[in-house]
C-alpha atoms as a PDB file:
ATOM      1  CA  MET A   1     157.159 -54.952 -14.909  1.00  0.00           C
ATOM      2  CA  THR A   2     155.139 -57.602 -16.699  1.00  0.00           C
ATOM      3  CA  ASP A   3     151.407 -58.131 -16.636  1.00  0.00           C
ATOM      4  CA  GLU A   4     151.726 -61.764 -17.663  1.00  0.00           C
ATOM      5  CA  PRO A   5     151.033 -64.218 -14.850  1.00  0.00           C
ATOM      6  CA  ASN A   6     153.560 -66.878 -13.975  1.00  0.00           C
ATOM      7  CA  PRO A   7     152.194 -70.142 -15.476  1.00  0.00           C
ATOM      8  CA  ALA A   8     153.434 -72.227 -12.537  1.00  0.00           C
ATOM      9  CA  ALA A   9     151.749 -69.890 -10.057  1.00  0.00           C
ATOM     10  CA  VAL A  10     148.523 -69.955 -12.068  1.00  0.00           C
ATOM     11  CA  MET A  11     148.503 -73.759 -12.040  1.00  0.00           C
ATOM     12  CA  ALA A  12     149.162 -73.836  -8.293  1.00  0.00           C
ATOM     13  CA  ASN A  13     146.374 -71.319  -7.728  1.00  0.00           C
ATOM     14  CA  ARG A  14     144.106 -73.391  -9.989  1.00  0.00           C
ATOM     15  CA  GLU A  15     144.667 -76.497  -7.901  1.00  0.00           C
ATOM     16  CA  THR A  16     143.923 -74.529  -4.738  1.00  0.00           C
ATOM     17  CA  LEU A  17     140.758 -73.135  -6.328  1.00  0.00           C
ATOM     18  CA  LEU A  18     139.563 -76.591  -7.356  1.00  0.00           C
ATOM     19  CA  ARG A  19     140.202 -78.018  -3.875  1.00  0.00           C
ATOM     20  CA  ASN A  20     138.360 -75.128  -2.261  1.00  0.00           C
ATOM     21  CA  LEU A  21     135.385 -75.490  -4.614  1.00  0.00           C
ATOM     22  CA  GLU A  22     135.241 -79.221  -3.935  1.00  0.00           C
ATOM     23  CA  ILE A  23     135.102 -78.456  -0.215  1.00  0.00           C
ATOM     24  CA  VAL A  24     132.408 -75.795  -0.625  1.00  0.00           C
ATOM     25  CA  PHE A  25     130.129 -77.846  -2.840  1.00  0.00           C
ATOM     26  CA  GLY A  26     131.076 -81.318  -1.614  1.00  0.00           C
ATOM     27  CA  SER A  27     130.346 -80.744   2.066  1.00  0.00           C
ATOM     28  CA  PRO A  28     127.106 -82.262   3.303  1.00  0.00           C
ATOM     29  CA  ASN A  29     124.359 -79.757   3.957  1.00  0.00           C
ATOM     30  CA  LYS A  30     123.761 -80.040   7.681  1.00  0.00           C
ATOM     31  CA  ALA A  31     121.410 -77.071   7.907  1.00  0.00           C
ATOM     32  CA  GLY A  32     118.170 -78.038   6.235  1.00  0.00           C
ATOM     33  CA  GLY A  33     118.594 -80.481   3.429  1.00  0.00           C
ATOM     34  CA  PRO A  34     119.448 -80.017  -0.225  1.00  0.00           C
ATOM     35  CA  ASP A  35     116.741 -77.388  -0.752  1.00  0.00           C
ATOM     36  CA  ASP A  36     117.926 -75.065   2.023  1.00  0.00           C
ATOM     37  CA  ILE A  37     118.214 -71.868  -0.038  1.00  0.00           C
ATOM     38  CA  PRO A  38     120.144 -69.742   2.518  1.00  0.00           C
ATOM     39  CA  THR A  39     122.799 -72.445   2.856  1.00  0.00           C
ATOM     40  CA  LEU A  40     123.009 -72.880  -0.906  1.00  0.00           C
ATOM     41  CA  GLN A  41     123.363 -69.124  -1.378  1.00  0.00           C
ATOM     42  CA  ALA A  42     126.082 -69.002   1.273  1.00  0.00           C
ATOM     43  CA  ARG A  43     127.993 -71.724  -0.544  1.00  0.00           C
ATOM     44  CA  TYR A  44     127.862 -69.750  -3.779  1.00  0.00           C
ATOM     45  CA  VAL A  45     129.041 -66.611  -1.991  1.00  0.00           C
ATOM     46  CA  VAL A  46     132.045 -68.492  -0.621  1.00  0.00           C
ATOM     47  CA  ALA A  47     132.728 -70.171  -3.976  1.00  0.00           C
ATOM     48  CA  LEU A  48     132.617 -66.846  -5.823  1.00  0.00           C
ATOM     49  CA  GLY A  49     135.094 -65.459  -3.302  1.00  0.00           C
ATOM     50  CA  HIS A  50     137.470 -68.304  -4.137  1.00  0.00           C
ATOM     51  CA  VAL A  51     137.026 -67.677  -7.871  1.00  0.00           C
ATOM     52  CA  ALA A  52     137.727 -63.979  -7.324  1.00  0.00           C
ATOM     53  CA  GLY A  53     140.879 -64.808  -5.383  1.00  0.00           C
ATOM     54  CA  PHE A  54     142.091 -67.034  -8.205  1.00  0.00           C
ATOM     55  CA  LEU A  55     141.371 -64.375 -10.825  1.00  0.00           C
ATOM     56  CA  ASN A  56     143.014 -61.671  -8.759  1.00  0.00           C
ATOM     57  CA  ALA A  57     146.168 -63.766  -8.407  1.00  0.00           C
ATOM     58  CA  SER A  58     146.141 -64.730 -12.087  1.00  0.00           C
ATOM     59  CA  ARG A  59     145.109 -61.485 -13.731  1.00  0.00           C
ATOM     60  CA  PRO A  60     144.865 -58.562 -11.331  1.00  0.00           C
ATOM     61  CA  GLU A  61     142.885 -56.389 -13.739  1.00  0.00           C
ATOM     62  CA  GLY A  62     139.676 -55.903 -11.809  1.00  0.00           C
ATOM     63  CA  LEU A  63     137.915 -58.949 -13.248  1.00  0.00           C
ATOM     64  CA  ALA A  64     137.839 -60.463  -9.771  1.00  0.00           C
ATOM     65  CA  LEU A  65     135.778 -57.486  -8.606  1.00  0.00           C
ATOM     66  CA  LYS A  66     132.860 -58.591 -10.794  1.00  0.00           C
ATOM     67  CA  PHE A  67     132.744 -61.936  -8.975  1.00  0.00           C
ATOM     68  CA  LEU A  68     132.934 -60.209  -5.599  1.00  0.00           C
ATOM     69  CA  GLU A  69     130.052 -57.933  -6.639  1.00  0.00           C
ATOM     70  CA  LEU A  70     127.974 -60.982  -7.559  1.00  0.00           C
ATOM     71  CA  ALA A  71     128.882 -62.692  -4.272  1.00  0.00           C
ATOM     72  CA  ASP A  72     127.832 -59.573  -2.372  1.00  0.00           C
ATOM     73  CA  ALA A  73     124.544 -59.381  -4.295  1.00  0.00           C
ATOM     74  CA  ILE A  74     123.751 -62.999  -3.453  1.00  0.00           C
ATOM     75  CA  GLY A  75     124.759 -62.456   0.167  1.00  0.00           C
ATOM     76  CA  GLN A  76     122.497 -59.414   0.495  1.00  0.00           C
ATOM     77  CA  LEU A  77     119.441 -61.390  -0.578  1.00  0.00           C
ATOM     78  CA  LYS A  78     119.124 -62.717   2.980  1.00  0.00           C
ATOM     79  CA  ASN A  79     118.643 -59.092   4.097  1.00  0.00           C
ATOM     80  CA  GLY A  80     115.959 -58.455   1.506  1.00  0.00           C
ATOM     81  CA  THR A  81     118.222 -56.368  -0.722  1.00  0.00           C
ATOM     82  CA  VAL A  82     117.987 -57.288  -4.393  1.00  0.00           C
ATOM     83  CA  ALA A  83     120.835 -55.855  -6.455  1.00  0.00           C
ATOM     84  CA  ASP A  84     120.310 -55.320 -10.168  1.00  0.00           C
ATOM     85  CA  VAL A  85     122.682 -58.159 -11.028  1.00  0.00           C
ATOM     86  CA  VAL A  86     120.330 -60.723  -9.410  1.00  0.00           C
ATOM     87  CA  ARG A  87     117.039 -58.955 -10.100  1.00  0.00           C
ATOM     88  CA  PRO A  88     114.711 -60.809 -12.468  1.00  0.00           C
ATOM     89  CA  GLY A  89     114.751 -59.274 -15.917  1.00  0.00           C
ATOM     90  CA  ALA A  90     111.866 -58.672 -18.261  1.00  0.00           C
ATOM     91  CA  VAL A  91     110.227 -61.810 -19.573  1.00  0.00           C
ATOM     92  CA  TRP A  92     110.715 -62.328 -23.281  1.00  0.00           C
ATOM     93  CA  SER A  93     107.953 -63.808 -25.331  1.00  0.00           C
END
């Protein structure tokens, strides 16, 4: 068993990822304009899911899980839950 990804499969997955990201970020915002934060956050959640899928197919070593954790943290903001990964840090002077 090899841990090395198939280069042809990685390139195919890359093209799929790029198309999906273009759809996510290229679609007009019909909800509330370009400053509609919930819609923008939802787009990032979806985009991070696509990135995680690409990473999982390319290198199934758990790296994708980090992107899913970030997507979940962003998604939970609408419920008032602020995970540490998106919590403001200390201000440096």
